[in-house]
Protein backbone atom coordinates (compact mmCIF):
# COMPACT_ATOMS: atom_id res chain seq x y z
CA UNK A 1 -13.27 88.58 29.86
CA UNK A 2 -9.57 88.15 30.89
CA UNK A 3 -7.85 84.83 29.85
CA UNK A 4 -4.47 83.96 30.90
CA UNK A 5 -1.57 83.36 28.62
CA UNK A 6 -1.36 79.78 27.17
CA UNK A 7 1.85 79.60 28.50
CA UNK A 8 0.36 79.36 31.96
CA UNK A 9 -2.02 76.47 30.91
CA UNK A 10 -4.87 77.73 30.13
CA UNK A 11 -6.75 76.87 27.00
CA UNK A 12 -9.82 78.58 25.27
CA UNK A 13 -11.05 75.48 23.73
CA UNK A 14 -10.71 73.34 27.07
CA UNK A 15 -11.75 73.85 30.74
CA UNK A 16 -9.89 71.94 32.98
CA UNK A 17 -12.32 70.96 35.79
CA UNK A 18 -11.35 67.89 38.18
CA UNK A 19 -9.45 66.48 36.06
CA UNK A 20 -11.85 66.45 33.31
CA UNK A 21 -11.50 68.13 30.08
CA UNK A 22 -15.13 70.00 29.46
CA UNK A 23 -15.47 71.79 26.14
CA UNK A 24 -16.15 75.49 26.79
CA UNK A 25 -18.30 76.21 23.48
CA UNK A 26 -19.08 73.72 21.00
CA UNK A 27 -18.98 74.70 17.52
CA UNK A 28 -22.48 74.18 15.88
CA UNK A 29 -24.03 73.52 19.27
CA UNK A 30 -24.09 76.57 21.39
CA UNK A 31 -27.83 77.54 21.75
CA UNK A 32 -29.50 75.11 20.26
CA UNK A 33 -30.85 72.31 21.87
CA UNK A 34 -31.12 68.59 21.51
CA UNK A 35 -32.80 65.31 22.35
CA UNK A 36 -30.59 62.82 23.90
CA UNK A 37 -29.98 60.53 20.78
CA UNK A 38 -29.25 63.40 19.00
CA UNK A 39 -26.41 65.16 21.63
CA UNK A 40 -24.70 61.82 22.29
CA UNK A 41 -25.31 61.68 17.63
CA UNK A 42 -23.71 64.98 17.75
CA UNK A 43 -20.94 64.19 20.29
CA UNK A 44 -19.42 60.93 18.57
CA UNK A 45 -19.70 63.48 15.69
CA UNK A 46 -16.68 65.44 16.20
CA UNK A 47 -14.98 62.71 18.33
CA UNK A 48 -16.39 63.74 21.80
CA UNK A 49 -18.98 62.87 24.21
CA UNK A 50 -21.05 63.73 26.77
CA UNK A 51 -20.17 64.12 31.19
CA UNK A 52 -21.16 61.15 32.92
CA UNK A 53 -24.00 61.68 36.16
CA UNK A 54 -20.91 61.17 38.01
CA UNK A 55 -18.91 63.17 35.63
CA UNK A 56 -21.34 66.39 36.44
CA UNK A 57 -20.69 66.06 40.13
CA UNK A 58 -17.20 65.78 39.99
CA UNK A 59 -16.87 68.93 37.77
CA UNK A 60 -19.65 70.62 40.57
CA UNK A 61 -17.23 69.28 43.63
CA UNK A 62 -15.15 72.93 43.55
CA UNK A 63 -18.46 74.77 43.72
CA UNK A 64 -20.51 76.89 41.43
CA UNK A 65 -21.19 80.62 41.34
CA UNK A 66 -24.58 82.31 39.42
CA UNK A 67 -23.82 84.71 37.58
CA UNK A 68 -26.85 87.40 37.36
CA UNK A 69 -25.20 89.38 34.27
CA UNK A 70 -25.00 86.45 31.99
CA UNK A 71 -27.06 84.47 32.93
CA UNK A 72 -26.01 80.63 34.34
CA UNK A 73 -22.49 79.43 36.37
CA UNK A 74 -19.35 79.76 36.96
CA UNK A 75 -18.13 75.97 37.66
CA UNK A 76 -14.36 74.76 38.57
CA UNK A 77 -12.18 76.34 41.01
CA UNK A 78 -11.50 79.63 40.25
CA UNK A 79 -15.89 79.71 40.31
CA UNK A 80 -16.30 82.99 42.14
CA UNK A 81 -13.84 84.99 39.50
CA UNK A 82 -16.42 85.10 37.54
CA UNK A 83 -14.02 84.22 34.26
CA UNK A 84 -12.31 81.92 32.21
CA UNK A 85 -9.01 80.14 33.78
CA UNK A 86 -7.86 77.03 33.39
CA UNK A 87 -10.00 75.34 36.17
CA UNK A 88 -13.38 77.05 35.26
CA UNK A 89 -15.97 77.52 32.96
CA UNK A 90 -19.25 79.05 31.93
CA UNK A 91 -22.44 77.30 31.37
CA UNK A 92 -25.51 79.18 30.53
CA UNK A 93 -28.74 79.75 31.47
CA UNK A 94 -30.42 78.08 28.24
CA UNK A 95 -33.26 76.27 28.93
CA UNK A 96 -35.51 73.78 27.41
CA UNK A 97 -37.84 72.49 25.03
CA UNK A 98 -40.26 69.83 25.63
CA UNK A 99 -40.92 66.66 23.80
CA UNK A 100 -38.57 68.64 20.36
CA UNK A 101 -41.61 70.66 20.19
CA UNK A 102 -40.20 74.67 18.90
CA UNK A 103 -41.16 76.37 22.28
CA UNK A 104 -38.77 77.09 24.60
CA UNK A 105 -39.50 77.18 27.65
CA UNK A 106 -37.08 78.91 31.13
CA UNK A 107 -34.51 80.20 29.17
CA UNK A 108 -32.51 83.10 30.84
CA UNK A 109 -33.16 81.18 33.80
CA UNK A 110 -32.51 77.74 34.05
CA UNK A 111 -30.28 75.69 32.69
CA UNK A 112 -29.64 71.93 31.59
CA UNK A 113 -27.42 69.75 30.17
CA UNK A 114 -26.95 66.60 29.05
CA UNK A 115 -25.44 63.43 30.56
CA UNK A 116 -24.21 60.36 28.58
CA UNK A 117 -25.69 58.41 31.47
CA UNK A 118 -29.03 56.98 30.47
CA UNK A 119 -31.78 54.21 32.10
CA UNK A 120 -34.02 52.90 29.44
CA UNK A 121 -36.06 55.75 27.69
CA UNK A 122 -35.45 58.46 30.33
CA UNK A 123 -31.65 60.06 30.99
CA UNK A 124 -29.59 61.85 33.20
CA UNK A 125 -29.88 65.62 33.05
CA UNK A 126 -27.53 68.65 35.15
CA UNK A 127 -30.19 71.46 35.91
CA UNK A 128 -29.08 74.60 37.08
CA UNK A 129 -30.39 77.73 38.44
CA UNK A 130 -29.40 81.00 40.53
CA UNK A 131 -30.80 78.54 43.81
CA UNK A 132 -29.98 75.24 42.73
CA UNK A 133 -27.95 73.07 40.82
CA UNK A 134 -28.24 69.32 40.88
CA UNK A 135 -26.19 66.83 38.22
CA UNK A 136 -28.82 63.96 38.25
CA UNK A 137 -31.66 64.92 37.59
CA UNK A 138 -34.10 62.21 35.13
CA UNK A 139 -36.14 62.50 33.03
CA UNK A 140 -37.45 61.55 29.37
CA UNK A 141 -34.27 61.03 26.33
CA UNK A 142 -37.10 63.32 24.14
CA UNK A 143 -36.63 66.61 25.58
CA UNK A 144 -34.48 69.18 24.42
CA UNK A 145 -31.74 70.26 26.57
CA UNK A 146 -28.34 71.82 26.04
CA UNK A 147 -24.33 70.00 25.22
CA UNK A 148 -21.33 70.45 26.65
CA UNK A 149 -18.67 68.11 25.45
CA UNK A 150 -16.29 66.36 27.09
CA UNK A 151 -12.72 65.57 25.13
CA UNK A 152 -11.64 62.43 24.56
CA UNK A 153 -8.11 62.45 22.90
CA UNK A 154 -4.90 61.79 24.96
């Protein structure tokens, strides 16, 4: 990937997507799947939080582009470039685990990312594949999904 210079506002750690600072890669969390409670705990432990359902909607508003080579979507204002910029980042299709079992499903074809928004025993999540992106799906908080954190600092 080609990265703009830092003096042009590029930050290798975060993408500014519609005013929300989304962590590009979560150290220790990349390519791992967590229950909703586990995801909330790990984000808080890193001094961050999960995006809300409405923040996922806002981050998808500028558009998205599926990347067949990398197997995931680019989101943000420069999504069609398929490279990290100040205003875009990549979300891999890491699949999911059903009820925290060890079996991995849909890896490379579908991505699932937790939001912090929940309703009783269920939580909202972002679901993505090559034809479909929905930031408002809801399911059991026991499922194993990917985590992408939001910066909470000033």
